[in-house]
Amino acid sequence: MQKNVNATANGVKINFLGEVKKEQIVKMVQNCATGQCECMSDETKKKIQAMEVSGNDGDVSLELTGEVSKEEIEAALSRSKVLNKDID
């Protein structure tokens, strides 16, 4: 799976390409929203005002609105159990 993280005017947008299912990203967002993940600090979570998933399997986008940095999100993605569970 390829992950492209880009800063936007309102936050950060992540494009997931290749071996990615939309439901996988939706699950990751739900885990984050309900506090069931440990991929980012509470401080970073508080900065995120909204999370929106779009696209289809193989080409999924996640847009985060808030005062978060590209680096914070890249670090969180590297720790995500949902995204990294299929990697050997």
C-alpha atoms as a PDB file:
ATOM      1  CA  MET A   1       0.000   0.000   0.000  1.00  0.00           C
ATOM      2  CA  GLN A   2       1.281   3.423  -0.927  1.00  0.00           C
ATOM      3  CA  LYS A   3       0.487   6.356   1.382  1.00  0.00           C
ATOM      4  CA  ASN A   4       0.828   9.930   0.166  1.00  0.00           C
ATOM      5  CA  VAL A   5       0.460  12.586   2.867  1.00  0.00           C
ATOM      6  CA  ASN A   6       0.030  16.218   1.838  1.00  0.00           C
ATOM      7  CA  ALA A   7      -0.621  19.384   3.806  1.00  0.00           C
ATOM      8  CA  THR A   8      -3.739  21.302   2.738  1.00  0.00           C
ATOM      9  CA  ALA A   9      -5.063  24.755   3.575  1.00  0.00           C
ATOM     10  CA  ASN A  10      -7.332  23.177   6.231  1.00  0.00           C
ATOM     11  CA  GLY A  11      -5.217  20.286   7.517  1.00  0.00           C
ATOM     12  CA  VAL A  12      -3.827  17.121   5.929  1.00  0.00           C
ATOM     13  CA  LYS A  13      -4.981  14.814   3.130  1.00  0.00           C
ATOM     14  CA  ILE A  14      -3.826  11.207   2.839  1.00  0.00           C
ATOM     15  CA  ASN A  15      -4.184   9.162  -0.338  1.00  0.00           C
ATOM     16  CA  PHE A  16      -3.963   5.390   0.051  1.00  0.00           C
ATOM     17  CA  LEU A  17      -3.227   3.584  -3.216  1.00  0.00           C
ATOM     18  CA  GLY A  18      -2.891  -0.088  -4.121  1.00  0.00           C
ATOM     19  CA  GLU A  19      -3.829  -2.812  -1.644  1.00  0.00           C
ATOM     20  CA  VAL A  20      -6.281  -0.782   0.390  1.00  0.00           C
ATOM     21  CA  LYS A  21      -9.963  -1.308   1.139  1.00  0.00           C
ATOM     22  CA  LYS A  22     -12.176   1.688   1.887  1.00  0.00           C
ATOM     23  CA  GLU A  23     -13.674  -0.150   4.885  1.00  0.00           C
ATOM     24  CA  GLN A  24     -10.146  -0.499   6.323  1.00  0.00           C
ATOM     25  CA  ILE A  25      -9.716   3.300   6.336  1.00  0.00           C
ATOM     26  CA  VAL A  26     -13.249   3.821   7.700  1.00  0.00           C
ATOM     27  CA  LYS A  27     -12.407   1.408  10.554  1.00  0.00           C
ATOM     28  CA  MET A  28      -9.194   3.288  11.279  1.00  0.00           C
ATOM     29  CA  VAL A  29     -11.136   6.594  11.435  1.00  0.00           C
ATOM     30  CA  GLN A  30     -13.800   5.066  13.711  1.00  0.00           C
ATOM     31  CA  ASN A  31     -11.129   3.679  16.050  1.00  0.00           C
ATOM     32  CA  CYS A  32      -9.488   7.090  16.188  1.00  0.00           C
ATOM     33  CA  ALA A  33     -12.764   8.929  16.793  1.00  0.00           C
ATOM     34  CA  THR A  34     -13.771   6.611  19.636  1.00  0.00           C
ATOM     35  CA  GLY A  35     -10.340   6.529  21.283  1.00  0.00           C
ATOM     36  CA  GLN A  36      -9.706   2.868  20.478  1.00  0.00           C
ATOM     37  CA  CYS A  37      -6.368   3.523  18.813  1.00  0.00           C
ATOM     38  CA  GLU A  38      -3.006   4.564  20.149  1.00  0.00           C
ATOM     39  CA  CYS A  39      -1.473   5.778  16.902  1.00  0.00           C
ATOM     40  CA  MET A  40      -1.426   9.449  17.888  1.00  0.00           C
ATOM     41  CA  SER A  41      -1.241  11.411  21.095  1.00  0.00           C
ATOM     42  CA  ASP A  42      -4.337  12.867  22.724  1.00  0.00           C
ATOM     43  CA  GLU A  43      -2.820  16.269  21.974  1.00  0.00           C
ATOM     44  CA  THR A  44      -2.796  15.509  18.239  1.00  0.00           C
ATOM     45  CA  LYS A  45      -6.312  14.012  18.342  1.00  0.00           C
ATOM     46  CA  LYS A  46      -7.649  17.211  19.911  1.00  0.00           C
ATOM     47  CA  LYS A  47      -6.326  19.208  16.945  1.00  0.00           C
ATOM     48  CA  ILE A  48      -8.444  17.237  14.456  1.00  0.00           C
ATOM     49  CA  GLN A  49     -11.859  18.809  13.924  1.00  0.00           C
ATOM     50  CA  ALA A  50     -13.125  16.453  11.204  1.00  0.00           C
ATOM     51  CA  MET A  51     -12.164  13.269   9.333  1.00  0.00           C
ATOM     52  CA  GLU A  52     -13.664  12.427   5.947  1.00  0.00           C
ATOM     53  CA  VAL A  53     -13.080   9.250   3.930  1.00  0.00           C
ATOM     54  CA  SER A  54     -13.748   9.179   0.178  1.00  0.00           C
ATOM     55  CA  GLY A  55     -12.853   7.130  -2.884  1.00  0.00           C
ATOM     56  CA  ASN A  56     -13.023   3.400  -3.589  1.00  0.00           C
ATOM     57  CA  ASP A  57     -11.025   0.251  -2.843  1.00  0.00           C
ATOM     58  CA  GLY A  58      -7.525   0.709  -4.266  1.00  0.00           C
ATOM     59  CA  ASP A  59      -7.732   4.523  -4.207  1.00  0.00           C
ATOM     60  CA  VAL A  60      -8.991   5.892  -0.890  1.00  0.00           C
ATOM     61  CA  SER A  61      -8.570   9.423   0.464  1.00  0.00           C
ATOM     62  CA  LEU A  62      -8.736  10.582   4.060  1.00  0.00           C
ATOM     63  CA  GLU A  63      -9.016  14.297   4.708  1.00  0.00           C
ATOM     64  CA  LEU A  64      -8.242  15.588   8.188  1.00  0.00           C
ATOM     65  CA  THR A  65      -9.398  19.096   9.062  1.00  0.00           C
ATOM     66  CA  GLY A  66      -7.586  20.860  11.877  1.00  0.00           C
ATOM     67  CA  GLU A  67      -4.264  22.246  13.022  1.00  0.00           C
ATOM     68  CA  VAL A  68      -2.320  19.038  12.406  1.00  0.00           C
ATOM     69  CA  SER A  69       1.002  18.753  10.624  1.00  0.00           C
ATOM     70  CA  LYS A  70       1.986  16.397   7.844  1.00  0.00           C
ATOM     71  CA  GLU A  71       4.702  14.993  10.125  1.00  0.00           C
ATOM     72  CA  GLU A  72       2.269  14.235  12.978  1.00  0.00           C
ATOM     73  CA  ILE A  73       0.012  12.297  10.617  1.00  0.00           C
ATOM     74  CA  GLU A  74       2.884  10.403   8.957  1.00  0.00           C
ATOM     75  CA  ALA A  75       4.040   9.298  12.419  1.00  0.00           C
ATOM     76  CA  ALA A  76       0.500   8.209  13.365  1.00  0.00           C
ATOM     77  CA  LEU A  77       0.109   6.216  10.139  1.00  0.00           C
ATOM     78  CA  SER A  78       3.338   4.355  10.834  1.00  0.00           C
ATOM     79  CA  ARG A  79       1.915   3.258  14.222  1.00  0.00           C
ATOM     80  CA  SER A  80      -1.595   2.335  13.004  1.00  0.00           C
ATOM     81  CA  LYS A  81      -2.438  -1.282  13.841  1.00  0.00           C
ATOM     82  CA  VAL A  82      -5.277  -1.288  11.289  1.00  0.00           C
ATOM     83  CA  LEU A  83      -2.977  -0.271   8.439  1.00  0.00           C
ATOM     84  CA  ASN A  84       0.062  -2.297   9.426  1.00  0.00           C
ATOM     85  CA  LYS A  85      -1.518  -5.595  10.528  1.00  0.00           C
ATOM     86  CA  ASP A  86      -1.191  -7.120   7.037  1.00  0.00           C
ATOM     87  CA  ILE A  87       2.487  -6.289   6.718  1.00  0.00           C
ATOM     88  CA  ASP A  88       4.960  -9.074   7.519  1.00  0.00           C
END
